[in-house]
């Protein structure tokens, strides 16, 4: 992430003059601006290439293409995104947050506010990522539990085993193959479906 203790920032602004002001303000705050993108640039591809710590978007009103780029970044290569807009309505703000924007600032920017805004955006992004990871882990555990229960049922029916013995057989197979119990259960279910 940070190189030499400096935050690596990518700017996206369709106004070159406004982007130059923001770039200078970020440099004054000790940030390294890795790219300044404008209209026609592929934001997603550039984020993929340069791996910035934070993405700054500055525009009057966020358009659909920009919000779709933010959604793609959030899904594929999550990064904190700070969006500055001159004006906005509740629906646009909601859409931006759903697209993965960490901080949505209306009514321009002041150089003195940049650092605290970045810190809040990064903290919010990290908290969101932790919740997303926890949710994914919980989903995986539930899927494993469901598949293990189904696999136990298959073993109980086909081999006449008790639930305890079916679970022990699954565990032994997982240990013998050095695989996770859920993966072994899914393998057994796939084989049962193929043969059944």
N, C-alpha and C. Protein backbone atom coordinates (compact mmCIF):
# COMPACT_ATOMS: atom_id res chain seq x y z
N UNK A 1 0.83 -1.19 0.00
CA UNK A 1 0.00 0.00 0.00
C UNK A 1 0.88 1.26 0.00
N UNK A 2 1.07 1.88 1.15
CA UNK A 2 1.87 3.10 1.21
C UNK A 2 3.31 2.81 0.84
N UNK A 3 3.90 3.69 0.07
CA UNK A 3 5.32 3.59 -0.23
C UNK A 3 6.01 4.80 0.39
N UNK A 4 7.09 4.56 1.10
CA UNK A 4 7.82 5.64 1.78
C UNK A 4 6.90 6.42 2.72
N UNK A 5 5.88 5.75 3.27
CA UNK A 5 4.98 6.40 4.20
C UNK A 5 4.01 7.37 3.54
N UNK A 6 4.03 7.46 2.24
CA UNK A 6 3.15 8.39 1.52
C UNK A 6 1.95 7.65 0.95
N UNK A 7 0.80 8.26 1.08
CA UNK A 7 -0.41 7.69 0.52
C UNK A 7 -0.40 7.86 -0.99
N UNK A 8 -0.65 6.77 -1.72
CA UNK A 8 -0.66 6.81 -3.19
C UNK A 8 -2.10 7.07 -3.65
N UNK A 9 -2.29 8.18 -4.34
CA UNK A 9 -3.64 8.62 -4.70
C UNK A 9 -3.78 8.71 -6.22
N UNK A 10 -4.96 8.29 -6.72
CA UNK A 10 -5.29 8.46 -8.12
C UNK A 10 -6.44 9.46 -8.20
N UNK A 11 -6.33 10.41 -9.13
CA UNK A 11 -7.37 11.42 -9.32
C UNK A 11 -8.14 11.14 -10.59
N UNK A 12 -9.44 11.37 -10.53
CA UNK A 12 -10.26 11.31 -11.74
C UNK A 12 -11.14 12.55 -11.74
N UNK A 13 -10.94 13.39 -12.74
CA UNK A 13 -11.71 14.63 -12.84
C UNK A 13 -11.78 15.00 -14.32
N UNK A 14 -12.98 15.31 -14.79
CA UNK A 14 -13.14 15.68 -16.19
C UNK A 14 -12.70 17.12 -16.46
N UNK A 15 -12.47 17.88 -15.39
CA UNK A 15 -11.99 19.25 -15.52
C UNK A 15 -10.50 19.29 -15.18
N UNK A 16 -9.66 19.56 -16.18
CA UNK A 16 -8.21 19.55 -15.98
C UNK A 16 -7.77 20.61 -14.97
N UNK A 17 -8.38 21.78 -15.02
CA UNK A 17 -8.01 22.85 -14.09
C UNK A 17 -8.31 22.48 -12.65
N UNK A 18 -9.50 21.96 -12.42
CA UNK A 18 -9.90 21.55 -11.07
C UNK A 18 -9.02 20.41 -10.58
N UNK A 19 -8.67 19.47 -11.48
CA UNK A 19 -7.80 18.34 -11.12
C UNK A 19 -6.42 18.82 -10.72
N UNK A 20 -5.91 19.84 -11.40
CA UNK A 20 -4.58 20.37 -11.08
C UNK A 20 -4.57 20.97 -9.68
N UNK A 21 -5.64 21.65 -9.31
CA UNK A 21 -5.75 22.25 -7.96
C UNK A 21 -5.78 21.15 -6.91
N UNK A 22 -6.59 20.12 -7.17
CA UNK A 22 -6.69 19.00 -6.22
C UNK A 22 -5.37 18.25 -6.11
N UNK A 23 -4.71 18.06 -7.25
CA UNK A 23 -3.41 17.37 -7.25
C UNK A 23 -2.40 18.13 -6.38
N UNK A 24 -2.34 19.43 -6.54
CA UNK A 24 -1.41 20.22 -5.74
C UNK A 24 -1.75 20.16 -4.26
N UNK A 25 -3.05 20.23 -3.95
CA UNK A 25 -3.48 20.16 -2.55
C UNK A 25 -3.09 18.81 -1.93
N UNK A 26 -3.23 17.74 -2.70
CA UNK A 26 -2.86 16.41 -2.20
C UNK A 26 -1.35 16.30 -1.99
N UNK A 27 -0.59 16.84 -2.93
CA UNK A 27 0.87 16.83 -2.79
C UNK A 27 1.29 17.63 -1.57
N UNK A 28 0.61 18.76 -1.32
CA UNK A 28 0.90 19.58 -0.14
C UNK A 28 0.61 18.83 1.15
N UNK A 29 -0.32 17.87 1.08
CA UNK A 29 -0.66 17.05 2.25
C UNK A 29 0.28 15.84 2.39
N UNK A 30 1.27 15.73 1.49
CA UNK A 30 2.25 14.64 1.57
C UNK A 30 1.85 13.39 0.80
N UNK A 31 0.86 13.49 -0.07
CA UNK A 31 0.43 12.33 -0.86
C UNK A 31 1.23 12.24 -2.15
N UNK A 32 1.32 11.04 -2.67
CA UNK A 32 1.92 10.82 -3.98
C UNK A 32 0.77 10.61 -4.97
N UNK A 33 0.63 11.50 -5.94
CA UNK A 33 -0.42 11.36 -6.94
C UNK A 33 0.14 10.48 -8.06
N UNK A 34 -0.38 9.25 -8.17
CA UNK A 34 0.16 8.28 -9.12
C UNK A 34 -0.40 8.47 -10.53
N UNK A 35 -1.57 9.11 -10.64
CA UNK A 35 -2.15 9.37 -11.95
C UNK A 35 -3.25 10.41 -11.82
N UNK A 36 -3.40 11.18 -12.88
CA UNK A 36 -4.50 12.15 -12.96
C UNK A 36 -5.26 11.82 -14.24
N UNK A 37 -6.47 11.29 -14.07
CA UNK A 37 -7.26 10.84 -15.21
C UNK A 37 -8.34 11.85 -15.55
N UNK A 38 -8.69 11.85 -16.81
CA UNK A 38 -9.74 12.75 -17.28
C UNK A 38 -10.76 11.99 -18.10
N UNK A 39 -11.57 12.73 -18.80
CA UNK A 39 -12.62 12.16 -19.64
C UNK A 39 -12.00 11.20 -20.66
N UNK A 40 -12.60 10.04 -20.82
CA UNK A 40 -12.11 9.09 -21.80
C UNK A 40 -11.12 8.07 -21.25
N UNK A 41 -10.59 8.31 -20.06
CA UNK A 41 -9.67 7.35 -19.45
C UNK A 41 -10.45 6.18 -18.84
N UNK A 42 -9.87 5.00 -18.89
CA UNK A 42 -10.47 3.81 -18.30
C UNK A 42 -10.03 3.73 -16.84
N UNK A 43 -10.88 4.23 -15.95
CA UNK A 43 -10.54 4.33 -14.53
C UNK A 43 -10.26 2.95 -13.94
N UNK A 44 -11.12 1.98 -14.25
CA UNK A 44 -10.94 0.64 -13.70
C UNK A 44 -9.59 0.05 -14.09
N UNK A 45 -9.26 0.13 -15.36
CA UNK A 45 -7.98 -0.43 -15.85
C UNK A 45 -6.79 0.25 -15.18
N UNK A 46 -6.87 1.56 -15.03
CA UNK A 46 -5.76 2.31 -14.41
C UNK A 46 -5.62 1.97 -12.92
N UNK A 47 -6.73 1.77 -12.23
CA UNK A 47 -6.66 1.36 -10.82
C UNK A 47 -6.03 -0.02 -10.74
N UNK A 48 -6.40 -0.91 -11.65
CA UNK A 48 -5.79 -2.24 -11.70
C UNK A 48 -4.29 -2.16 -11.89
N UNK A 49 -3.85 -1.33 -12.82
CA UNK A 49 -2.42 -1.20 -13.14
C UNK A 49 -1.63 -0.58 -12.00
N UNK A 50 -2.13 0.52 -11.44
CA UNK A 50 -1.34 1.34 -10.52
C UNK A 50 -1.57 1.01 -9.04
N UNK A 51 -2.67 0.32 -8.72
CA UNK A 51 -2.96 -0.07 -7.33
C UNK A 51 -2.83 1.09 -6.34
N UNK A 52 -3.55 2.19 -6.55
CA UNK A 52 -3.46 3.30 -5.60
C UNK A 52 -4.07 2.94 -4.25
N UNK A 53 -3.68 3.68 -3.22
CA UNK A 53 -4.27 3.47 -1.89
C UNK A 53 -5.67 4.05 -1.82
N UNK A 54 -5.88 5.17 -2.52
CA UNK A 54 -7.16 5.90 -2.50
C UNK A 54 -7.44 6.43 -3.90
N UNK A 55 -8.73 6.43 -4.27
CA UNK A 55 -9.15 7.02 -5.54
C UNK A 55 -9.99 8.25 -5.22
N UNK A 56 -9.62 9.39 -5.82
CA UNK A 56 -10.38 10.63 -5.66
C UNK A 56 -11.13 10.90 -6.96
N UNK A 57 -12.42 11.14 -6.85
CA UNK A 57 -13.25 11.50 -8.00
C UNK A 57 -13.83 12.88 -7.71
N UNK A 58 -13.61 13.80 -8.63
CA UNK A 58 -14.12 15.17 -8.45
C UNK A 58 -14.92 15.52 -9.69
N UNK A 59 -16.23 15.75 -9.52
CA UNK A 59 -17.07 16.11 -10.66
C UNK A 59 -18.30 16.88 -10.17
N UNK A 60 -18.93 17.57 -11.10
CA UNK A 60 -20.12 18.34 -10.73
C UNK A 60 -21.22 17.39 -10.25
N UNK A 61 -21.62 16.49 -11.13
CA UNK A 61 -22.64 15.50 -10.78
C UNK A 61 -22.14 14.14 -11.30
N UNK A 62 -22.02 13.14 -10.44
CA UNK A 62 -21.53 11.83 -10.89
C UNK A 62 -22.46 11.25 -11.96
N UNK A 63 -21.88 10.78 -13.06
CA UNK A 63 -22.70 10.19 -14.12
C UNK A 63 -22.72 8.68 -13.98
N UNK A 64 -23.58 8.04 -14.75
CA UNK A 64 -23.75 6.59 -14.69
C UNK A 64 -22.45 5.83 -14.97
N UNK A 65 -21.69 6.29 -15.99
CA UNK A 65 -20.44 5.61 -16.33
C UNK A 65 -19.45 5.64 -15.17
N UNK A 66 -19.34 6.78 -14.52
CA UNK A 66 -18.43 6.91 -13.38
C UNK A 66 -18.87 6.01 -12.24
N UNK A 67 -20.16 6.02 -11.94
CA UNK A 67 -20.67 5.17 -10.86
C UNK A 67 -20.48 3.69 -11.19
N UNK A 68 -20.64 3.32 -12.45
CA UNK A 68 -20.42 1.93 -12.85
C UNK A 68 -18.95 1.55 -12.70
N UNK A 69 -18.04 2.47 -13.02
CA UNK A 69 -16.61 2.22 -12.81
C UNK A 69 -16.32 2.00 -11.33
N UNK A 70 -16.93 2.83 -10.46
CA UNK A 70 -16.72 2.69 -9.02
C UNK A 70 -17.26 1.35 -8.53
N UNK A 71 -18.40 0.91 -9.06
CA UNK A 71 -18.99 -0.37 -8.69
C UNK A 71 -18.05 -1.52 -9.08
N UNK A 72 -17.49 -1.43 -10.28
CA UNK A 72 -16.57 -2.46 -10.77
C UNK A 72 -15.29 -2.50 -9.92
N UNK A 73 -14.76 -1.33 -9.59
CA UNK A 73 -13.58 -1.25 -8.73
C UNK A 73 -13.89 -1.88 -7.37
N UNK A 74 -15.04 -1.53 -6.80
CA UNK A 74 -15.43 -2.05 -5.48
C UNK A 74 -15.56 -3.56 -5.49
N UNK A 75 -16.05 -4.11 -6.60
CA UNK A 75 -16.26 -5.56 -6.68
C UNK A 75 -14.96 -6.30 -6.97
N UNK A 76 -14.13 -5.77 -7.87
CA UNK A 76 -12.95 -6.50 -8.34
C UNK A 76 -11.65 -6.17 -7.61
N UNK A 77 -11.41 -4.90 -7.34
CA UNK A 77 -10.16 -4.46 -6.70
C UNK A 77 -10.49 -3.36 -5.70
N UNK A 78 -11.17 -3.71 -4.61
CA UNK A 78 -11.67 -2.70 -3.68
C UNK A 78 -10.61 -1.70 -3.21
N UNK A 79 -10.99 -0.44 -3.23
CA UNK A 79 -10.16 0.67 -2.79
C UNK A 79 -11.06 1.71 -2.13
N UNK A 80 -10.54 2.47 -1.18
CA UNK A 80 -11.32 3.59 -0.68
C UNK A 80 -11.50 4.61 -1.81
N UNK A 81 -12.73 5.08 -1.97
CA UNK A 81 -13.03 6.07 -3.00
C UNK A 81 -13.64 7.29 -2.32
N UNK A 82 -13.05 8.45 -2.59
CA UNK A 82 -13.58 9.72 -2.09
C UNK A 82 -14.14 10.45 -3.29
N UNK A 83 -15.43 10.83 -3.22
CA UNK A 83 -16.06 11.51 -4.33
C UNK A 83 -16.48 12.91 -3.90
N UNK A 84 -16.02 13.90 -4.66
CA UNK A 84 -16.42 15.28 -4.45
C UNK A 84 -17.41 15.65 -5.55
N UNK A 85 -18.53 16.25 -5.17
CA UNK A 85 -19.52 16.68 -6.16
C UNK A 85 -19.96 18.10 -5.83
N UNK A 86 -20.22 18.89 -6.86
CA UNK A 86 -20.67 20.26 -6.65
C UNK A 86 -22.10 20.28 -6.14
N UNK A 87 -22.90 19.37 -6.62
CA UNK A 87 -24.29 19.29 -6.19
C UNK A 87 -24.75 17.85 -6.29
N UNK A 88 -25.80 17.54 -5.57
CA UNK A 88 -26.29 16.18 -5.63
C UNK A 88 -27.65 16.07 -4.99
N UNK A 89 -28.29 14.95 -5.24
CA UNK A 89 -29.57 14.66 -4.59
C UNK A 89 -29.42 13.34 -3.84
N UNK A 90 -30.40 13.04 -3.01
CA UNK A 90 -30.34 11.84 -2.18
C UNK A 90 -30.17 10.56 -2.98
N UNK A 91 -30.85 10.47 -4.13
CA UNK A 91 -30.76 9.25 -4.95
C UNK A 91 -29.35 9.05 -5.49
N UNK A 92 -28.69 10.14 -5.91
CA UNK A 92 -27.32 10.03 -6.43
C UNK A 92 -26.36 9.61 -5.32
N UNK A 93 -26.53 10.18 -4.15
CA UNK A 93 -25.67 9.81 -3.02
C UNK A 93 -25.85 8.34 -2.69
N UNK A 94 -27.11 7.88 -2.64
CA UNK A 94 -27.38 6.46 -2.37
C UNK A 94 -26.72 5.57 -3.40
N UNK A 95 -26.86 5.96 -4.67
CA UNK A 95 -26.27 5.18 -5.77
C UNK A 95 -24.74 5.13 -5.63
N UNK A 96 -24.14 6.25 -5.25
CA UNK A 96 -22.68 6.31 -5.08
C UNK A 96 -22.24 5.40 -3.94
N UNK A 97 -22.95 5.42 -2.84
CA UNK A 97 -22.60 4.57 -1.70
C UNK A 97 -22.75 3.10 -2.08
N UNK A 98 -23.83 2.77 -2.81
CA UNK A 98 -24.00 1.38 -3.27
C UNK A 98 -22.90 0.97 -4.23
N UNK A 99 -22.34 1.94 -4.95
CA UNK A 99 -21.25 1.65 -5.90
C UNK A 99 -19.92 1.47 -5.19
N UNK A 100 -19.88 1.74 -3.88
CA UNK A 100 -18.66 1.53 -3.12
C UNK A 100 -17.91 2.78 -2.74
N UNK A 101 -18.51 3.96 -2.93
CA UNK A 101 -17.86 5.21 -2.55
C UNK A 101 -17.79 5.28 -1.03
N UNK A 102 -16.61 5.51 -0.49
CA UNK A 102 -16.40 5.54 0.96
C UNK A 102 -16.79 6.87 1.58
N UNK A 103 -16.56 7.95 0.84
CA UNK A 103 -16.91 9.29 1.34
C UNK A 103 -17.45 10.10 0.17
N UNK A 104 -18.61 10.70 0.36
CA UNK A 104 -19.26 11.52 -0.68
C UNK A 104 -19.37 12.92 -0.13
N UNK A 105 -18.61 13.85 -0.70
CA UNK A 105 -18.54 15.21 -0.19
C UNK A 105 -19.21 16.15 -1.19
N UNK A 106 -20.23 16.87 -0.72
CA UNK A 106 -20.97 17.79 -1.58
C UNK A 106 -20.48 19.20 -1.30
N UNK A 107 -20.51 20.02 -2.34
CA UNK A 107 -20.19 21.44 -2.23
C UNK A 107 -18.69 21.70 -2.21
N UNK A 108 -18.00 21.01 -3.10
CA UNK A 108 -16.59 21.31 -3.29
C UNK A 108 -15.69 20.82 -2.19
N UNK A 109 -14.42 21.25 -2.30
CA UNK A 109 -13.44 20.79 -1.33
C UNK A 109 -12.57 21.93 -0.89
N UNK A 110 -12.08 21.78 0.29
CA UNK A 110 -11.14 22.74 0.85
C UNK A 110 -9.87 21.97 1.16
N UNK A 111 -8.71 22.48 0.74
CA UNK A 111 -7.46 21.74 0.97
C UNK A 111 -7.24 21.34 2.43
N UNK A 112 -7.70 22.16 3.36
CA UNK A 112 -7.49 21.84 4.78
C UNK A 112 -8.33 20.64 5.22
N UNK A 113 -9.38 20.33 4.47
CA UNK A 113 -10.25 19.20 4.83
C UNK A 113 -9.79 17.89 4.20
N UNK A 114 -8.85 17.92 3.27
CA UNK A 114 -8.47 16.71 2.53
C UNK A 114 -8.00 15.57 3.43
N UNK A 115 -7.06 15.88 4.34
CA UNK A 115 -6.49 14.81 5.17
C UNK A 115 -7.54 14.15 6.05
N UNK A 116 -8.36 14.92 6.80
CA UNK A 116 -9.38 14.24 7.61
C UNK A 116 -10.41 13.47 6.77
N UNK A 117 -10.75 13.99 5.61
CA UNK A 117 -11.69 13.29 4.73
C UNK A 117 -11.08 11.96 4.29
N UNK A 118 -9.80 11.98 3.89
CA UNK A 118 -9.13 10.74 3.48
C UNK A 118 -9.08 9.74 4.63
N UNK A 119 -8.73 10.21 5.82
CA UNK A 119 -8.64 9.32 6.97
C UNK A 119 -9.98 8.66 7.27
N UNK A 120 -11.06 9.44 7.21
CA UNK A 120 -12.39 8.89 7.45
C UNK A 120 -12.75 7.88 6.36
N UNK A 121 -12.46 8.23 5.11
CA UNK A 121 -12.78 7.33 3.99
C UNK A 121 -12.03 6.01 4.12
N UNK A 122 -10.76 6.08 4.47
CA UNK A 122 -9.95 4.86 4.62
C UNK A 122 -10.46 4.02 5.79
N UNK A 123 -10.78 4.67 6.92
CA UNK A 123 -11.29 3.95 8.08
C UNK A 123 -12.63 3.29 7.75
N UNK A 124 -13.50 4.03 7.08
CA UNK A 124 -14.81 3.48 6.71
C UNK A 124 -14.64 2.31 5.73
N UNK A 125 -13.74 2.46 4.78
CA UNK A 125 -13.47 1.40 3.81
C UNK A 125 -12.98 0.14 4.52
N UNK A 126 -12.03 0.29 5.43
CA UNK A 126 -11.49 -0.87 6.15
C UNK A 126 -12.57 -1.57 6.98
N UNK A 127 -13.42 -0.77 7.62
CA UNK A 127 -14.51 -1.35 8.41
C UNK A 127 -15.47 -2.11 7.50
N UNK A 128 -15.79 -1.53 6.36
CA UNK A 128 -16.69 -2.19 5.42
C UNK A 128 -16.07 -3.49 4.90
N UNK A 129 -14.78 -3.45 4.57
CA UNK A 129 -14.10 -4.65 4.08
C UNK A 129 -14.10 -5.74 5.15
N UNK A 130 -13.89 -5.37 6.41
CA UNK A 130 -13.91 -6.36 7.50
C UNK A 130 -15.30 -6.98 7.61
N UNK A 131 -16.35 -6.16 7.50
CA UNK A 131 -17.71 -6.70 7.54
C UNK A 131 -17.99 -7.60 6.35
N UNK A 132 -17.52 -7.18 5.19
CA UNK A 132 -17.71 -7.98 3.97
C UNK A 132 -17.01 -9.33 4.11
N UNK A 133 -15.78 -9.34 4.65
CA UNK A 133 -15.04 -10.58 4.84
C UNK A 133 -15.73 -11.49 5.86
N UNK A 134 -16.24 -10.87 6.93
CA UNK A 134 -16.93 -11.64 7.96
C UNK A 134 -18.21 -12.26 7.39
N UNK A 135 -18.94 -11.50 6.58
CA UNK A 135 -20.15 -12.02 5.95
C UNK A 135 -19.82 -13.18 5.02
N UNK A 136 -18.77 -13.03 4.23
CA UNK A 136 -18.36 -14.10 3.30
C UNK A 136 -17.96 -15.36 4.07
N UNK A 137 -17.23 -15.18 5.17
CA UNK A 137 -16.83 -16.31 6.00
C UNK A 137 -18.05 -17.02 6.57
N UNK A 138 -19.02 -16.25 7.04
CA UNK A 138 -20.24 -16.82 7.60
C UNK A 138 -21.02 -17.56 6.52
N UNK A 139 -21.11 -16.97 5.34
CA UNK A 139 -21.80 -17.66 4.22
C UNK A 139 -21.12 -18.98 3.89
N UNK A 140 -19.80 -18.96 3.86
CA UNK A 140 -19.05 -20.18 3.55
C UNK A 140 -19.27 -21.25 4.62
N UNK A 141 -19.28 -20.82 5.88
CA UNK A 141 -19.50 -21.78 6.98
C UNK A 141 -20.91 -22.38 6.88
N UNK A 142 -21.90 -21.55 6.57
CA UNK A 142 -23.27 -22.05 6.43
C UNK A 142 -23.38 -23.02 5.25
N UNK A 143 -22.73 -22.68 4.14
CA UNK A 143 -22.75 -23.57 2.97
C UNK A 143 -22.05 -24.89 3.31
N UNK A 144 -20.92 -24.82 4.02
CA UNK A 144 -20.22 -26.04 4.44
C UNK A 144 -21.12 -26.89 5.32
N UNK A 145 -21.75 -26.25 6.30
CA UNK A 145 -22.62 -26.97 7.24
C UNK A 145 -23.75 -27.67 6.50
N UNK A 146 -24.37 -26.95 5.55
CA UNK A 146 -25.48 -27.51 4.76
C UNK A 146 -24.99 -28.72 3.95
N UNK A 147 -23.84 -28.56 3.29
CA UNK A 147 -23.32 -29.64 2.45
C UNK A 147 -22.86 -30.83 3.29
N UNK A 148 -22.30 -30.57 4.46
CA UNK A 148 -21.88 -31.66 5.36
C UNK A 148 -23.11 -32.44 5.82
N UNK A 149 -24.17 -31.73 6.18
CA UNK A 149 -25.39 -32.41 6.61
C UNK A 149 -25.98 -33.25 5.48
N UNK A 150 -25.98 -32.72 4.26
CA UNK A 150 -26.48 -33.49 3.11
C UNK A 150 -25.62 -34.72 2.87
N UNK A 151 -24.30 -34.55 2.93
CA UNK A 151 -23.38 -35.67 2.71
C UNK A 151 -23.55 -36.74 3.78
N UNK A 152 -23.76 -36.31 5.02
CA UNK A 152 -24.02 -37.28 6.10
C UNK A 152 -25.29 -38.06 5.78
N UNK A 153 -26.30 -37.37 5.29
CA UNK A 153 -27.56 -38.03 4.93
C UNK A 153 -27.35 -39.07 3.85
N UNK A 154 -26.53 -38.75 2.86
CA UNK A 154 -26.24 -39.70 1.78
C UNK A 154 -25.55 -40.94 2.36
N UNK A 155 -24.55 -40.73 3.20
CA UNK A 155 -23.83 -41.86 3.81
C UNK A 155 -24.75 -42.70 4.71
N UNK A 156 -25.61 -42.03 5.42
CA UNK A 156 -26.53 -42.74 6.31
C UNK A 156 -27.48 -43.63 5.50
N UNK A 157 -27.98 -43.11 4.37
CA UNK A 157 -28.90 -43.89 3.53
C UNK A 157 -28.17 -45.01 2.79
N UNK A 158 -27.05 -44.68 2.17
CA UNK A 158 -26.37 -45.66 1.31
C UNK A 158 -25.56 -46.69 2.08
N UNK A 159 -24.98 -46.29 3.20
CA UNK A 159 -24.11 -47.21 3.95
C UNK A 159 -24.74 -47.71 5.24
N UNK A 160 -25.95 -47.19 5.56
CA UNK A 160 -26.61 -47.61 6.79
C UNK A 160 -25.88 -47.16 8.05
N UNK A 161 -25.20 -46.01 7.98
CA UNK A 161 -24.44 -45.49 9.12
C UNK A 161 -25.30 -44.61 10.01
N UNK A 162 -24.90 -44.52 11.27
CA UNK A 162 -25.53 -43.55 12.16
C UNK A 162 -25.00 -42.16 11.79
N UNK A 163 -25.66 -41.13 12.28
CA UNK A 163 -25.21 -39.76 11.97
C UNK A 163 -23.78 -39.55 12.46
N UNK A 164 -23.50 -40.05 13.64
CA UNK A 164 -22.16 -39.91 14.23
C UNK A 164 -21.10 -40.62 13.39
N UNK A 165 -21.42 -41.83 12.94
CA UNK A 165 -20.48 -42.59 12.11
C UNK A 165 -20.30 -41.95 10.74
N UNK A 166 -21.38 -41.41 10.18
CA UNK A 166 -21.30 -40.74 8.88
C UNK A 166 -20.38 -39.51 8.98
N UNK A 167 -20.52 -38.76 10.07
CA UNK A 167 -19.67 -37.59 10.28
C UNK A 167 -18.21 -38.02 10.45
N UNK A 168 -17.98 -39.09 11.21
CA UNK A 168 -16.62 -39.60 11.43
C UNK A 168 -16.00 -40.04 10.10
N UNK A 169 -16.80 -40.66 9.24
CA UNK A 169 -16.29 -41.11 7.94
C UNK A 169 -15.91 -39.90 7.07
N UNK A 170 -16.74 -38.87 7.09
CA UNK A 170 -16.42 -37.65 6.33
C UNK A 170 -15.13 -37.01 6.85
N UNK A 171 -15.03 -36.93 8.17
CA UNK A 171 -13.82 -36.33 8.78
C UNK A 171 -12.57 -37.09 8.42
N UNK A 172 -12.66 -38.42 8.47
CA UNK A 172 -11.50 -39.25 8.15
C UNK A 172 -11.09 -39.05 6.69
N UNK A 173 -12.07 -39.02 5.80
CA UNK A 173 -11.79 -38.81 4.38
C UNK A 173 -11.14 -37.43 4.16
N UNK A 174 -11.63 -36.42 4.85
CA UNK A 174 -11.06 -35.07 4.73
C UNK A 174 -9.62 -35.05 5.23
N UNK A 175 -9.36 -35.72 6.35
CA UNK A 175 -8.01 -35.75 6.90
C UNK A 175 -7.07 -36.55 6.00
N UNK A 176 -7.55 -37.67 5.47
CA UNK A 176 -6.73 -38.49 4.59
C UNK A 176 -6.35 -37.74 3.31
N UNK A 177 -7.25 -36.94 2.82
CA UNK A 177 -7.01 -36.19 1.58
C UNK A 177 -6.44 -34.79 1.83
N UNK A 178 -6.31 -34.44 3.10
CA UNK A 178 -5.81 -33.11 3.48
C UNK A 178 -6.67 -32.01 2.84
N UNK A 179 -7.99 -32.19 2.94
CA UNK A 179 -8.94 -31.23 2.40
C UNK A 179 -9.89 -30.77 3.50
N UNK A 180 -10.57 -29.67 3.21
CA UNK A 180 -11.56 -29.17 4.17
C UNK A 180 -12.79 -30.07 4.12
N UNK A 181 -13.43 -30.17 5.27
CA UNK A 181 -14.60 -31.04 5.41
C UNK A 181 -15.71 -30.65 4.42
N UNK A 182 -15.93 -29.35 4.25
CA UNK A 182 -16.96 -28.89 3.32
C UNK A 182 -16.65 -29.30 1.88
N UNK A 183 -15.38 -29.23 1.50
CA UNK A 183 -14.98 -29.62 0.14
C UNK A 183 -15.19 -31.12 -0.09
N UNK A 184 -14.86 -31.91 0.92
CA UNK A 184 -15.06 -33.36 0.82
C UNK A 184 -16.56 -33.67 0.73
N UNK A 185 -17.36 -32.97 1.51
CA UNK A 185 -18.81 -33.18 1.47
C UNK A 185 -19.35 -32.87 0.07
N UNK A 186 -18.91 -31.76 -0.53
CA UNK A 186 -19.37 -31.39 -1.88
C UNK A 186 -18.92 -32.43 -2.91
N UNK A 187 -17.70 -32.96 -2.74
CA UNK A 187 -17.20 -33.99 -3.65
C UNK A 187 -18.07 -35.25 -3.55
N UNK A 188 -18.40 -35.64 -2.32
CA UNK A 188 -19.23 -36.81 -2.11
C UNK A 188 -20.63 -36.59 -2.70
N UNK A 189 -21.19 -35.40 -2.52
CA UNK A 189 -22.52 -35.09 -3.07
C UNK A 189 -22.50 -35.13 -4.59
N UNK A 190 -21.43 -34.62 -5.19
CA UNK A 190 -21.31 -34.62 -6.66
C UNK A 190 -21.22 -36.06 -7.16
N UNK A 191 -20.45 -36.91 -6.47
CA UNK A 191 -20.31 -38.30 -6.86
C UNK A 191 -21.64 -39.04 -6.70
N UNK A 192 -22.36 -38.76 -5.62
CA UNK A 192 -23.65 -39.40 -5.38
C UNK A 192 -24.65 -39.00 -6.46
N UNK A 193 -24.60 -37.76 -6.88
CA UNK A 193 -25.52 -37.27 -7.90
C UNK A 193 -25.18 -37.93 -9.25
N UNK A 194 -23.89 -38.07 -9.50
CA UNK A 194 -23.43 -38.68 -10.76
C UNK A 194 -23.84 -40.16 -10.83
N UNK A 195 -23.70 -40.84 -9.70
CA UNK A 195 -24.02 -42.27 -9.66
C UNK A 195 -25.50 -42.55 -9.42
N UNK A 196 -26.20 -41.56 -8.84
CA UNK A 196 -27.59 -41.76 -8.47
C UNK A 196 -28.50 -41.58 -9.60
